[in-house]
Amino acid sequence: MATTASAFVGTTTEPRYTKVAIWLHWLIGLAVIANICLAMLTEGMPRDVHRAAMGVHKALGITILALTLVRIVWRLLHKAPPLPAAVPAWQRPLSKIVHFLFYALLVLLPLSGWVWMSAADAPIDFFGLFTVPSLVAPDKPLADVMHERHELLGLTMLALVVIHILAALKHQFVDRSGVTARMNPF
């Protein structure tokens, strides 16, 4: 019988994700949370503050897309560890669905923003290093549609992040199932 993780240390005899997968998870996760905050918390701020925050938001979105593509390739080449035996059978397919939704959103959300900015003829400056090439020609109706899609995808991502964090906390402190230890970077 497998031992479960300590409530605070994260040690376990269960198989873990690779170090690369773990660090990509945390880098992408923190970048997504930062981007959600940039988009939502700067909305009512003075125009120059909001514009600067959106510049970072856009560049961070491109970074998230690039890191996600690396993570997808890494995941295809490195099998995920099995879920601990303590995880109930009904949660196993739900876990696969949530992972799929995260990967889909991590690609579609930045892509929708990139198409939106391209169609709006608003080039994306990548942290002052270079300008990200446009994906489509300027097209106001397309820009309007992509703006709406981007916001909808962003709200969906926010909901999924909240659910993911609450589920991780439940696994760690209520179930003590060892699931969170698989992704603990320490």
N, C-alpha and C. Protein backbone atom coordinates (compact mmCIF):
# COMPACT_ATOMS: atom_id res chain seq x y z
N MET A 1 0.85 -1.19 0.00
CA MET A 1 0.00 0.00 0.00
C MET A 1 0.89 1.24 0.00
N ALA A 2 0.58 2.21 -0.85
CA ALA A 2 1.39 3.41 -0.97
C ALA A 2 1.17 4.33 0.23
N THR A 3 2.23 5.01 0.63
CA THR A 3 2.09 5.99 1.69
C THR A 3 1.62 7.29 1.10
N THR A 4 0.97 8.08 1.92
CA THR A 4 0.47 9.36 1.42
C THR A 4 1.39 10.49 1.84
N ALA A 5 1.20 11.63 1.23
CA ALA A 5 2.05 12.80 1.46
C ALA A 5 1.80 13.40 2.84
N SER A 6 2.84 13.98 3.39
CA SER A 6 2.70 14.77 4.60
C SER A 6 1.88 16.01 4.26
N ALA A 7 1.12 16.52 5.20
CA ALA A 7 0.26 17.67 4.95
C ALA A 7 1.06 18.92 4.59
N PHE A 8 2.30 19.03 5.02
CA PHE A 8 3.03 20.26 4.78
C PHE A 8 4.33 20.07 4.01
N VAL A 9 4.93 18.92 4.06
CA VAL A 9 6.23 18.72 3.44
C VAL A 9 6.13 18.32 1.99
N GLY A 10 5.19 17.49 1.62
CA GLY A 10 5.04 17.10 0.23
C GLY A 10 5.87 15.88 -0.13
N THR A 11 6.33 15.13 0.84
CA THR A 11 7.08 13.92 0.54
C THR A 11 6.11 12.77 0.31
N THR A 12 6.48 11.89 -0.59
CA THR A 12 5.61 10.77 -0.92
C THR A 12 6.43 9.70 -1.61
N THR A 13 5.93 8.48 -1.58
CA THR A 13 6.56 7.42 -2.35
C THR A 13 5.89 7.27 -3.70
N GLU A 14 4.82 8.05 -3.95
CA GLU A 14 4.14 8.03 -5.24
C GLU A 14 5.05 8.62 -6.31
N PRO A 15 4.91 8.14 -7.56
CA PRO A 15 5.70 8.73 -8.65
C PRO A 15 5.38 10.21 -8.83
N ARG A 16 6.42 10.96 -9.27
CA ARG A 16 6.27 12.41 -9.45
C ARG A 16 6.44 12.78 -10.92
N TYR A 17 5.98 13.98 -11.26
CA TYR A 17 6.26 14.53 -12.58
C TYR A 17 7.76 14.82 -12.66
N THR A 18 8.28 14.96 -13.87
CA THR A 18 9.69 15.31 -14.04
C THR A 18 9.91 16.74 -13.55
N LYS A 19 11.17 17.07 -13.24
CA LYS A 19 11.49 18.43 -12.78
C LYS A 19 11.11 19.47 -13.84
N VAL A 20 11.33 19.15 -15.10
CA VAL A 20 10.97 20.08 -16.18
C VAL A 20 9.46 20.32 -16.18
N ALA A 21 8.67 19.26 -16.08
CA ALA A 21 7.21 19.40 -16.06
C ALA A 21 6.75 20.21 -14.85
N ILE A 22 7.38 19.96 -13.71
CA ILE A 22 7.02 20.69 -12.49
C ILE A 22 7.30 22.18 -12.65
N TRP A 23 8.49 22.53 -13.14
CA TRP A 23 8.84 23.94 -13.27
C TRP A 23 8.02 24.63 -14.35
N LEU A 24 7.72 23.93 -15.43
CA LEU A 24 6.84 24.51 -16.45
C LEU A 24 5.45 24.76 -15.88
N HIS A 25 4.95 23.81 -15.09
CA HIS A 25 3.64 23.97 -14.45
C HIS A 25 3.60 25.25 -13.62
N TRP A 26 4.61 25.43 -12.76
CA TRP A 26 4.61 26.58 -11.86
C TRP A 26 4.88 27.89 -12.60
N LEU A 27 5.78 27.89 -13.56
CA LEU A 27 6.04 29.10 -14.34
C LEU A 27 4.78 29.54 -15.09
N ILE A 28 4.15 28.59 -15.77
CA ILE A 28 2.93 28.90 -16.52
C ILE A 28 1.82 29.32 -15.57
N GLY A 29 1.66 28.59 -14.47
CA GLY A 29 0.60 28.91 -13.51
C GLY A 29 0.74 30.31 -12.94
N LEU A 30 1.95 30.66 -12.53
CA LEU A 30 2.17 32.00 -11.97
C LEU A 30 2.00 33.08 -13.04
N ALA A 31 2.43 32.80 -14.26
CA ALA A 31 2.26 33.76 -15.36
C ALA A 31 0.78 33.96 -15.68
N VAL A 32 0.01 32.89 -15.65
CA VAL A 32 -1.43 33.00 -15.91
C VAL A 32 -2.10 33.83 -14.82
N ILE A 33 -1.77 33.57 -13.57
CA ILE A 33 -2.36 34.34 -12.47
C ILE A 33 -1.96 35.81 -12.58
N ALA A 34 -0.70 36.08 -12.89
CA ALA A 34 -0.24 37.47 -13.07
C ALA A 34 -1.00 38.13 -14.21
N ASN A 35 -1.20 37.40 -15.31
CA ASN A 35 -1.90 37.98 -16.45
C ASN A 35 -3.37 38.26 -16.15
N ILE A 36 -4.00 37.38 -15.41
CA ILE A 36 -5.39 37.62 -15.01
C ILE A 36 -5.45 38.88 -14.16
N CYS A 37 -4.52 39.01 -13.22
CA CYS A 37 -4.48 40.20 -12.35
C CYS A 37 -4.24 41.46 -13.17
N LEU A 38 -3.29 41.40 -14.10
CA LEU A 38 -3.02 42.57 -14.94
C LEU A 38 -4.26 43.00 -15.72
N ALA A 39 -4.97 42.04 -16.26
CA ALA A 39 -6.15 42.35 -17.07
C ALA A 39 -7.29 42.90 -16.22
N MET A 40 -7.50 42.32 -15.06
CA MET A 40 -8.67 42.69 -14.26
C MET A 40 -8.41 43.86 -13.32
N LEU A 41 -7.25 43.92 -12.71
CA LEU A 41 -7.01 44.92 -11.68
C LEU A 41 -6.61 46.28 -12.23
N THR A 42 -6.18 46.35 -13.49
CA THR A 42 -5.78 47.64 -14.05
C THR A 42 -6.88 48.27 -14.88
N GLU A 43 -8.02 47.61 -14.98
CA GLU A 43 -9.11 48.08 -15.86
C GLU A 43 -9.54 49.52 -15.55
N GLY A 44 -9.69 49.89 -14.31
CA GLY A 44 -10.17 51.23 -13.98
C GLY A 44 -9.07 52.23 -13.67
N MET A 45 -7.83 51.85 -13.89
CA MET A 45 -6.71 52.73 -13.55
C MET A 45 -6.49 53.78 -14.65
N PRO A 46 -5.67 54.78 -14.36
CA PRO A 46 -5.37 55.80 -15.38
C PRO A 46 -4.86 55.14 -16.68
N ARG A 47 -5.16 55.78 -17.79
CA ARG A 47 -4.88 55.23 -19.12
C ARG A 47 -3.42 54.80 -19.30
N ASP A 48 -2.48 55.61 -18.84
CA ASP A 48 -1.05 55.27 -19.02
C ASP A 48 -0.66 54.04 -18.20
N VAL A 49 -1.21 53.91 -17.00
CA VAL A 49 -0.94 52.74 -16.16
C VAL A 49 -1.55 51.50 -16.81
N HIS A 50 -2.79 51.64 -17.25
CA HIS A 50 -3.47 50.51 -17.89
C HIS A 50 -2.74 50.09 -19.17
N ARG A 51 -2.32 51.05 -19.98
CA ARG A 51 -1.62 50.75 -21.23
C ARG A 51 -0.30 50.02 -20.95
N ALA A 52 0.45 50.47 -19.95
CA ALA A 52 1.71 49.80 -19.59
C ALA A 52 1.45 48.37 -19.11
N ALA A 53 0.42 48.22 -18.28
CA ALA A 53 0.06 46.89 -17.77
C ALA A 53 -0.35 45.97 -18.91
N MET A 54 -1.09 46.51 -19.88
CA MET A 54 -1.52 45.70 -21.02
C MET A 54 -0.34 45.32 -21.92
N GLY A 55 0.68 46.17 -21.99
CA GLY A 55 1.89 45.81 -22.73
C GLY A 55 2.56 44.59 -22.11
N VAL A 56 2.64 44.57 -20.78
CA VAL A 56 3.20 43.42 -20.07
C VAL A 56 2.27 42.22 -20.25
N HIS A 57 0.96 42.44 -20.15
CA HIS A 57 -0.04 41.38 -20.30
C HIS A 57 0.12 40.69 -21.65
N LYS A 58 0.27 41.45 -22.71
CA LYS A 58 0.40 40.89 -24.06
C LYS A 58 1.69 40.08 -24.21
N ALA A 59 2.80 40.66 -23.75
CA ALA A 59 4.09 39.95 -23.85
C ALA A 59 4.07 38.69 -23.00
N LEU A 60 3.48 38.77 -21.82
CA LEU A 60 3.37 37.60 -20.95
C LEU A 60 2.48 36.54 -21.59
N GLY A 61 1.44 36.96 -22.29
CA GLY A 61 0.58 36.02 -23.01
C GLY A 61 1.36 35.24 -24.06
N ILE A 62 2.22 35.92 -24.81
CA ILE A 62 3.05 35.25 -25.80
C ILE A 62 4.02 34.28 -25.11
N THR A 63 4.55 34.70 -23.96
CA THR A 63 5.44 33.82 -23.18
C THR A 63 4.69 32.58 -22.71
N ILE A 64 3.47 32.76 -22.23
CA ILE A 64 2.64 31.63 -21.78
C ILE A 64 2.40 30.67 -22.94
N LEU A 65 2.10 31.20 -24.12
CA LEU A 65 1.89 30.35 -25.29
C LEU A 65 3.14 29.54 -25.60
N ALA A 66 4.30 30.20 -25.62
CA ALA A 66 5.56 29.51 -25.93
C ALA A 66 5.86 28.43 -24.88
N LEU A 67 5.73 28.77 -23.61
CA LEU A 67 5.98 27.79 -22.54
C LEU A 67 5.00 26.63 -22.61
N THR A 68 3.75 26.92 -22.97
CA THR A 68 2.74 25.87 -23.08
C THR A 68 3.09 24.91 -24.22
N LEU A 69 3.55 25.44 -25.34
CA LEU A 69 3.94 24.58 -26.46
C LEU A 69 5.11 23.68 -26.05
N VAL A 70 6.07 24.24 -25.30
CA VAL A 70 7.17 23.43 -24.77
C VAL A 70 6.62 22.36 -23.83
N ARG A 71 5.69 22.76 -22.97
CA ARG A 71 5.12 21.81 -22.01
C ARG A 71 4.36 20.69 -22.71
N ILE A 72 3.63 21.02 -23.77
CA ILE A 72 2.89 19.99 -24.51
C ILE A 72 3.86 19.00 -25.15
N VAL A 73 4.92 19.50 -25.76
CA VAL A 73 5.92 18.60 -26.35
C VAL A 73 6.55 17.74 -25.27
N TRP A 74 6.90 18.36 -24.15
CA TRP A 74 7.51 17.61 -23.03
C TRP A 74 6.55 16.53 -22.55
N ARG A 75 5.27 16.88 -22.43
CA ARG A 75 4.27 15.93 -21.95
C ARG A 75 4.08 14.76 -22.92
N LEU A 76 4.16 15.05 -24.23
CA LEU A 76 4.05 13.98 -25.23
C LEU A 76 5.23 13.02 -25.15
N LEU A 77 6.39 13.53 -24.74
CA LEU A 77 7.59 12.71 -24.66
C LEU A 77 7.81 12.06 -23.29
N HIS A 78 7.09 12.55 -22.28
CA HIS A 78 7.25 12.05 -20.91
C HIS A 78 5.88 11.78 -20.30
N LYS A 79 5.60 10.53 -20.07
CA LYS A 79 4.31 10.12 -19.53
C LYS A 79 4.08 10.71 -18.13
N ALA A 80 2.85 11.13 -17.88
CA ALA A 80 2.49 11.64 -16.55
C ALA A 80 2.48 10.48 -15.56
N PRO A 81 2.86 10.75 -14.31
CA PRO A 81 2.79 9.68 -13.31
C PRO A 81 1.34 9.31 -13.03
N PRO A 82 1.10 8.06 -12.68
CA PRO A 82 -0.28 7.67 -12.37
C PRO A 82 -0.78 8.38 -11.12
N LEU A 83 -2.08 8.55 -11.05
CA LEU A 83 -2.67 9.13 -9.86
C LEU A 83 -2.51 8.16 -8.69
N PRO A 84 -2.35 8.67 -7.48
CA PRO A 84 -2.25 7.79 -6.32
C PRO A 84 -3.51 6.93 -6.19
N ALA A 85 -3.33 5.76 -5.61
CA ALA A 85 -4.45 4.82 -5.44
C ALA A 85 -5.57 5.42 -4.60
N ALA A 86 -5.24 6.39 -3.75
CA ALA A 86 -6.24 7.00 -2.86
C ALA A 86 -7.24 7.89 -3.61
N VAL A 87 -6.94 8.24 -4.86
CA VAL A 87 -7.84 9.10 -5.62
C VAL A 87 -9.05 8.28 -6.08
N PRO A 88 -10.26 8.72 -5.73
CA PRO A 88 -11.47 7.97 -6.10
C PRO A 88 -11.62 7.82 -7.62
N ALA A 89 -12.26 6.75 -8.03
CA ALA A 89 -12.43 6.45 -9.46
C ALA A 89 -13.16 7.55 -10.20
N TRP A 90 -14.13 8.21 -9.60
CA TRP A 90 -14.89 9.25 -10.28
C TRP A 90 -14.05 10.49 -10.57
N GLN A 91 -12.97 10.69 -9.78
CA GLN A 91 -12.12 11.87 -9.98
C GLN A 91 -11.10 11.66 -11.10
N ARG A 92 -10.82 10.43 -11.47
CA ARG A 92 -9.81 10.15 -12.49
C ARG A 92 -10.17 10.71 -13.86
N PRO A 93 -11.38 10.42 -14.41
CA PRO A 93 -11.71 11.03 -15.71
C PRO A 93 -11.86 12.55 -15.61
N LEU A 94 -12.32 13.03 -14.46
CA LEU A 94 -12.44 14.48 -14.26
C LEU A 94 -11.07 15.15 -14.34
N SER A 95 -10.06 14.50 -13.80
CA SER A 95 -8.69 15.01 -13.86
C SER A 95 -8.22 15.15 -15.32
N LYS A 96 -8.53 14.15 -16.13
CA LYS A 96 -8.14 14.20 -17.55
C LYS A 96 -8.86 15.34 -18.28
N ILE A 97 -10.12 15.53 -17.97
CA ILE A 97 -10.90 16.61 -18.59
C ILE A 97 -10.33 17.97 -18.21
N VAL A 98 -10.03 18.16 -16.94
CA VAL A 98 -9.48 19.43 -16.47
C VAL A 98 -8.12 19.70 -17.12
N HIS A 99 -7.27 18.68 -17.21
CA HIS A 99 -5.97 18.87 -17.87
C HIS A 99 -6.15 19.26 -19.33
N PHE A 100 -7.07 18.58 -20.02
CA PHE A 100 -7.32 18.92 -21.42
C PHE A 100 -7.80 20.36 -21.55
N LEU A 101 -8.74 20.77 -20.68
CA LEU A 101 -9.25 22.14 -20.73
C LEU A 101 -8.15 23.17 -20.47
N PHE A 102 -7.28 22.87 -19.52
CA PHE A 102 -6.16 23.78 -19.26
C PHE A 102 -5.27 23.92 -20.49
N TYR A 103 -4.88 22.80 -21.08
CA TYR A 103 -4.03 22.87 -22.27
C TYR A 103 -4.72 23.63 -23.40
N ALA A 104 -6.01 23.36 -23.61
CA ALA A 104 -6.75 24.06 -24.66
C ALA A 104 -6.78 25.57 -24.39
N LEU A 105 -7.09 25.96 -23.16
CA LEU A 105 -7.13 27.38 -22.83
C LEU A 105 -5.75 28.03 -22.88
N LEU A 106 -4.72 27.29 -22.47
CA LEU A 106 -3.37 27.85 -22.49
C LEU A 106 -2.86 28.10 -23.91
N VAL A 107 -3.47 27.46 -24.88
CA VAL A 107 -3.15 27.73 -26.29
C VAL A 107 -4.13 28.75 -26.86
N LEU A 108 -5.43 28.51 -26.67
CA LEU A 108 -6.45 29.34 -27.30
C LEU A 108 -6.51 30.77 -26.74
N LEU A 109 -6.29 30.93 -25.45
CA LEU A 109 -6.38 32.27 -24.85
C LEU A 109 -5.30 33.20 -25.40
N PRO A 110 -4.02 32.82 -25.37
CA PRO A 110 -3.02 33.73 -25.96
C PRO A 110 -3.19 33.88 -27.47
N LEU A 111 -3.57 32.79 -28.16
CA LEU A 111 -3.77 32.90 -29.60
C LEU A 111 -4.90 33.88 -29.93
N SER A 112 -5.98 33.84 -29.15
CA SER A 112 -7.09 34.76 -29.40
C SER A 112 -6.65 36.21 -29.19
N GLY A 113 -5.83 36.43 -28.17
CA GLY A 113 -5.30 37.78 -27.94
C GLY A 113 -4.38 38.22 -29.07
N TRP A 114 -3.57 37.31 -29.56
CA TRP A 114 -2.64 37.60 -30.65
C TRP A 114 -3.40 37.93 -31.93
N VAL A 115 -4.42 37.13 -32.25
CA VAL A 115 -5.25 37.40 -33.43
C VAL A 115 -5.98 38.73 -33.24
N TRP A 116 -6.51 38.98 -32.04
CA TRP A 116 -7.20 40.23 -31.75
C TRP A 116 -6.28 41.42 -32.01
N MET A 117 -5.08 41.40 -31.43
CA MET A 117 -4.15 42.51 -31.60
C MET A 117 -3.72 42.66 -33.06
N SER A 118 -3.55 41.54 -33.75
CA SER A 118 -3.20 41.59 -35.17
C SER A 118 -4.32 42.24 -35.97
N ALA A 119 -5.55 41.79 -35.74
CA ALA A 119 -6.70 42.33 -36.46
C ALA A 119 -6.96 43.79 -36.11
N ALA A 120 -6.61 44.18 -34.89
CA ALA A 120 -6.78 45.58 -34.44
C ALA A 120 -5.62 46.46 -34.90
N ASP A 121 -4.66 45.87 -35.60
CA ASP A 121 -3.46 46.59 -36.05
C ASP A 121 -2.73 47.24 -34.87
N ALA A 122 -2.61 46.45 -33.79
CA ALA A 122 -1.94 46.89 -32.56
C ALA A 122 -0.81 45.91 -32.26
N PRO A 123 0.36 46.14 -32.86
CA PRO A 123 1.47 45.19 -32.70
C PRO A 123 1.81 44.92 -31.23
N ILE A 124 2.23 43.70 -30.97
CA ILE A 124 2.62 43.29 -29.62
C ILE A 124 4.12 43.46 -29.47
N ASP A 125 4.52 44.29 -28.50
CA ASP A 125 5.93 44.49 -28.18
C ASP A 125 6.31 43.44 -27.14
N PHE A 126 7.32 42.63 -27.45
CA PHE A 126 7.73 41.56 -26.53
C PHE A 126 8.82 42.07 -25.59
N PHE A 127 8.39 42.69 -24.49
CA PHE A 127 9.27 43.21 -23.45
C PHE A 127 10.40 44.08 -24.01
N GLY A 128 10.11 44.83 -25.06
CA GLY A 128 11.10 45.73 -25.66
C GLY A 128 12.16 45.04 -26.49
N LEU A 129 12.06 43.73 -26.67
CA LEU A 129 13.08 42.98 -27.41
C LEU A 129 12.79 42.92 -28.91
N PHE A 130 11.52 42.75 -29.26
CA PHE A 130 11.11 42.69 -30.66
C PHE A 130 9.59 42.83 -30.73
N THR A 131 9.11 43.05 -31.94
CA THR A 131 7.67 43.12 -32.18
C THR A 131 7.22 41.76 -32.69
N VAL A 132 6.19 41.23 -32.06
CA VAL A 132 5.65 39.92 -32.45
C VAL A 132 4.96 40.09 -33.81
N PRO A 133 5.25 39.21 -34.78
CA PRO A 133 4.61 39.35 -36.09
C PRO A 133 3.09 39.18 -36.01
N SER A 134 2.38 39.89 -36.86
CA SER A 134 0.92 39.78 -36.91
C SER A 134 0.53 38.43 -37.51
N LEU A 135 -0.59 37.91 -37.04
CA LEU A 135 -1.11 36.65 -37.58
C LEU A 135 -2.10 36.87 -38.71
N VAL A 136 -2.80 38.02 -38.68
CA VAL A 136 -3.80 38.33 -39.70
C VAL A 136 -3.67 39.80 -40.07
N ALA A 137 -4.25 40.15 -41.21
CA ALA A 137 -4.27 41.55 -41.65
C ALA A 137 -5.26 42.33 -40.78
N PRO A 138 -5.09 43.64 -40.68
CA PRO A 138 -6.06 44.44 -39.93
C PRO A 138 -7.48 44.20 -40.43
N ASP A 139 -8.40 44.02 -39.47
CA ASP A 139 -9.79 43.68 -39.80
C ASP A 139 -10.63 44.01 -38.58
N LYS A 140 -11.27 45.18 -38.58
CA LYS A 140 -12.03 45.66 -37.42
C LYS A 140 -13.11 44.68 -36.95
N PRO A 141 -13.95 44.13 -37.86
CA PRO A 141 -14.96 43.17 -37.38
C PRO A 141 -14.33 41.94 -36.71
N LEU A 142 -13.23 41.44 -37.27
CA LEU A 142 -12.55 40.30 -36.65
C LEU A 142 -11.97 40.70 -35.30
N ALA A 143 -11.41 41.89 -35.21
CA ALA A 143 -10.86 42.36 -33.93
C ALA A 143 -11.95 42.41 -32.86
N ASP A 144 -13.12 42.89 -33.23
CA ASP A 144 -14.23 42.96 -32.26
C ASP A 144 -14.64 41.57 -31.78
N VAL A 145 -14.74 40.63 -32.71
CA VAL A 145 -15.12 39.25 -32.36
C VAL A 145 -14.04 38.63 -31.46
N MET A 146 -12.77 38.81 -31.82
CA MET A 146 -11.69 38.20 -31.04
C MET A 146 -11.57 38.83 -29.65
N HIS A 147 -11.89 40.11 -29.55
CA HIS A 147 -11.90 40.76 -28.24
C HIS A 147 -12.90 40.06 -27.32
N GLU A 148 -14.11 39.84 -27.84
CA GLU A 148 -15.14 39.14 -27.06
C GLU A 148 -14.71 37.72 -26.70
N ARG A 149 -14.15 37.01 -27.68
CA ARG A 149 -13.71 35.62 -27.44
C ARG A 149 -12.60 35.59 -26.40
N HIS A 150 -11.67 36.54 -26.50
CA HIS A 150 -10.54 36.58 -25.57
C HIS A 150 -11.04 36.80 -24.14
N GLU A 151 -11.98 37.71 -23.97
CA GLU A 151 -12.52 37.96 -22.64
C GLU A 151 -13.27 36.75 -22.10
N LEU A 152 -14.04 36.08 -22.95
CA LEU A 152 -14.77 34.87 -22.54
C LEU A 152 -13.80 33.76 -22.14
N LEU A 153 -12.77 33.56 -22.95
CA LEU A 153 -11.76 32.56 -22.62
C LEU A 153 -11.02 32.93 -21.32
N GLY A 154 -10.76 34.22 -21.12
CA GLY A 154 -10.10 34.67 -19.90
C GLY A 154 -10.94 34.39 -18.66
N LEU A 155 -12.23 34.63 -18.74
CA LEU A 155 -13.11 34.33 -17.60
C LEU A 155 -13.19 32.83 -17.35
N THR A 156 -13.19 32.05 -18.43
CA THR A 156 -13.18 30.60 -18.29
C THR A 156 -11.90 30.13 -17.62
N MET A 157 -10.77 30.73 -18.01
CA MET A 157 -9.48 30.40 -17.39
C MET A 157 -9.51 30.76 -15.91
N LEU A 158 -10.03 31.92 -15.58
CA LEU A 158 -10.12 32.33 -14.18
C LEU A 158 -10.90 31.30 -13.37
N ALA A 159 -12.05 30.88 -13.88
CA ALA A 159 -12.87 29.89 -13.17
C ALA A 159 -12.11 28.57 -13.01
N LEU A 160 -11.44 28.13 -14.06
CA LEU A 160 -10.69 26.87 -14.00
C LEU A 160 -9.52 26.95 -13.03
N VAL A 161 -8.83 28.09 -12.99
CA VAL A 161 -7.72 28.28 -12.05
C VAL A 161 -8.24 28.20 -10.61
N VAL A 162 -9.35 28.87 -10.33
CA VAL A 162 -9.92 28.83 -8.98
C VAL A 162 -10.30 27.40 -8.60
N ILE A 163 -10.97 26.69 -9.51
CA ILE A 163 -11.35 25.30 -9.25
C ILE A 163 -10.10 24.44 -9.01
N HIS A 164 -9.07 24.64 -9.84
CA HIS A 164 -7.83 23.86 -9.73
C HIS A 164 -7.16 24.10 -8.37
N ILE A 165 -7.08 25.34 -7.94
CA ILE A 165 -6.45 25.66 -6.66
C ILE A 165 -7.26 25.08 -5.51
N LEU A 166 -8.58 25.22 -5.56
CA LEU A 166 -9.42 24.65 -4.50
C LEU A 166 -9.30 23.12 -4.45
N ALA A 167 -9.25 22.49 -5.62
CA ALA A 167 -9.10 21.03 -5.65
C ALA A 167 -7.75 20.62 -5.08
N ALA A 168 -6.69 21.36 -5.42
CA ALA A 168 -5.36 21.04 -4.88
C ALA A 168 -5.34 21.18 -3.36
N LEU A 169 -5.97 22.23 -2.86
CA LEU A 169 -6.04 22.42 -1.41
C LEU A 169 -6.83 21.30 -0.75
N LYS A 170 -7.92 20.89 -1.38
CA LYS A 170 -8.71 19.77 -0.84
C LYS A 170 -7.88 18.49 -0.81
N HIS A 171 -7.18 18.20 -1.93
CA HIS A 171 -6.35 16.99 -1.97
C HIS A 171 -5.26 17.04 -0.90
N GLN A 172 -4.69 18.22 -0.68
CA GLN A 172 -3.58 18.35 0.26
C GLN A 172 -4.03 18.28 1.72
N PHE A 173 -5.05 19.05 2.07
CA PHE A 173 -5.38 19.22 3.48
C PHE A 173 -6.59 18.42 3.97
N VAL A 174 -7.47 18.01 3.07
CA VAL A 174 -8.63 17.23 3.48
C VAL A 174 -8.40 15.75 3.19
N ASP A 175 -8.12 15.45 1.91
CA ASP A 175 -7.95 14.05 1.50
C ASP A 175 -6.58 13.48 1.89
N ARG A 176 -5.57 14.36 1.90
CA ARG A 176 -4.17 13.92 2.13
C ARG A 176 -3.82 12.74 1.22
N SER A 177 -4.17 12.91 -0.06
CA SER A 177 -4.05 11.81 -1.02
C SER A 177 -2.67 11.69 -1.66
N GLY A 178 -1.81 12.69 -1.51
CA GLY A 178 -0.49 12.63 -2.12
C GLY A 178 -0.46 13.20 -3.54
N VAL A 179 -1.59 13.64 -4.04
CA VAL A 179 -1.66 14.17 -5.41
C VAL A 179 -0.78 15.41 -5.57
N THR A 180 -0.84 16.33 -4.62
CA THR A 180 -0.10 17.58 -4.77
C THR A 180 1.41 17.38 -4.68
N ALA A 181 1.85 16.36 -4.01
CA ALA A 181 3.29 16.10 -3.91
C ALA A 181 3.91 15.79 -5.27
N ARG A 182 3.10 15.31 -6.19
CA ARG A 182 3.61 14.98 -7.52
C ARG A 182 4.07 16.21 -8.27
N MET A 183 3.55 17.40 -7.89
CA MET A 183 3.87 18.64 -8.59
C MET A 183 4.60 19.64 -7.70
N ASN A 184 5.01 19.19 -6.50
CA ASN A 184 5.72 20.07 -5.57
C ASN A 184 7.16 20.28 -6.06
N PRO A 185 7.57 21.55 -6.32
CA PRO A 185 8.91 21.79 -6.83
C PRO A 185 10.01 21.62 -5.78
N PHE A 186 9.63 21.51 -4.52
CA PHE A 186 10.64 21.42 -3.46
C PHE A 186 10.66 20.05 -2.92
